[in-house]
Amino acid sequence: MDAHATAVGGVIVDSGNFAWDKYKDKFPGLTTPDNSYHGLTYTDTFGKGAYITKATVQLMWNLGSIQSPQNAFLLNIGLETLHLRCPVIARMR
């Protein structure tokens, strides 16, 4: 994203429209009680925001996936030119 390979970062894109409850057997992390968060069931408690809430609380809490201020700055510089770089990449394909 930063276009100059000085920082590693990314985004999670979630529209909140996937039916997690429809496939409970495939996604037990979202549809069954989570003992590490006092028996919270993400789909029942957060509805459409279940996936992004789980990703946020568990990745940040358990893995510490928070950017340093320097990496955030470098990614922001690259994002300022993303709209200019995307058409060029599309023409290369």
Protein backbone atom coordinates (compact mmCIF):
# COMPACT_ATOMS: atom_id res chain seq x y z
CA MET A 1 0.00 0.00 0.00
CA ASP A 2 2.81 2.42 0.68
CA ALA A 3 4.42 2.05 -2.80
CA HIS A 4 7.97 2.30 -1.53
CA ALA A 5 8.33 -0.93 0.47
CA THR A 6 9.37 0.71 3.72
CA ALA A 7 6.45 -0.51 5.82
CA VAL A 8 4.18 -3.53 5.93
CA GLY A 9 0.48 -3.00 6.47
CA GLY A 10 -2.94 -3.89 5.25
CA VAL A 11 -6.64 -3.60 5.82
CA ILE A 12 -9.55 -5.85 6.62
CA VAL A 13 -12.56 -5.20 4.42
CA ASP A 14 -15.83 -6.50 5.82
CA SER A 15 -19.25 -5.42 4.62
CA GLY A 16 -20.98 -7.20 7.49
CA ASN A 17 -23.34 -8.99 5.12
CA PHE A 18 -22.07 -12.56 5.36
CA ALA A 19 -24.48 -14.95 7.10
CA TRP A 20 -22.14 -16.42 9.74
CA ASP A 21 -25.05 -18.06 11.58
CA LYS A 22 -26.07 -19.95 8.44
CA TYR A 23 -22.76 -21.87 8.52
CA LYS A 24 -22.31 -22.31 12.27
CA ASP A 25 -20.37 -25.54 11.89
CA LYS A 26 -17.75 -23.84 9.66
CA PHE A 27 -17.28 -20.73 11.82
CA PRO A 28 -17.42 -21.79 15.47
CA GLY A 29 -15.15 -18.92 16.47
CA LEU A 30 -17.93 -16.48 15.67
CA THR A 31 -21.05 -18.52 16.36
CA THR A 32 -20.23 -20.33 19.60
CA PRO A 33 -19.43 -18.87 23.03
CA ASP A 34 -15.85 -17.63 23.37
CA ASN A 35 -14.55 -18.58 26.81
CA SER A 36 -11.67 -16.11 26.58
CA TYR A 37 -14.25 -13.29 26.50
CA HIS A 38 -16.60 -14.53 29.25
CA GLY A 39 -18.73 -16.73 26.99
CA LEU A 40 -19.51 -13.99 24.48
CA THR A 41 -20.99 -15.16 21.16
CA TYR A 42 -19.95 -12.60 18.56
CA THR A 43 -22.82 -13.14 16.12
CA ASP A 44 -25.44 -12.82 18.86
CA THR A 45 -23.87 -9.78 20.51
CA PHE A 46 -22.59 -7.77 17.53
CA GLY A 47 -24.75 -8.93 14.61
CA LYS A 48 -23.31 -7.59 11.34
CA GLY A 49 -20.22 -6.34 13.17
CA ALA A 50 -19.31 -9.81 14.50
CA TYR A 51 -16.33 -10.51 12.23
CA ILE A 52 -14.65 -7.13 12.47
CA THR A 53 -15.16 -7.00 16.24
CA LYS A 54 -13.60 -10.43 16.70
CA ALA A 55 -10.73 -9.53 14.39
CA THR A 56 -10.12 -6.31 16.25
CA VAL A 57 -10.27 -7.59 19.81
CA GLN A 58 -8.43 -10.86 19.27
CA LEU A 59 -5.73 -9.72 16.84
CA MET A 60 -4.92 -6.59 18.80
CA TRP A 61 -5.16 -8.20 22.21
CA ASN A 62 -3.54 -11.56 21.50
CA LEU A 63 -1.02 -10.66 18.79
CA GLY A 64 -0.45 -6.95 19.35
CA SER A 65 -1.08 -6.13 15.70
CA ILE A 66 -0.91 -2.38 16.14
CA GLN A 67 1.18 -0.21 13.85
CA SER A 68 3.95 1.90 15.19
CA PRO A 69 3.55 5.63 14.61
CA GLN A 70 6.40 5.57 12.07
CA ASN A 71 4.81 2.79 10.01
CA ALA A 72 1.45 4.55 10.12
CA PHE A 73 3.12 7.70 8.82
CA LEU A 74 4.87 5.85 5.99
CA LEU A 75 1.68 4.06 4.95
CA ASN A 76 -0.21 7.34 5.00
CA ILE A 77 2.31 8.91 2.66
CA GLY A 78 1.84 6.01 0.24
CA LEU A 79 -1.94 6.11 0.51
CA GLU A 80 -1.93 9.73 -0.60
CA THR A 81 -0.85 8.57 -4.08
CA LEU A 82 -2.87 5.35 -4.25
CA HIS A 83 -5.51 6.90 -6.51
CA LEU A 84 -2.75 7.77 -8.99
CA ARG A 85 -1.12 4.36 -8.92
CA CYS A 86 -4.23 2.16 -9.30
CA PRO A 87 -5.00 3.11 -12.94
CA VAL A 88 -1.37 2.45 -13.87
CA ILE A 89 -1.48 -1.01 -12.30
CA ALA A 90 -4.77 -1.76 -14.05
CA ARG A 91 -3.26 -0.88 -17.45
CA MET A 92 -0.30 -3.19 -16.78
CA ARG A 93 -2.55 -6.25 -16.55
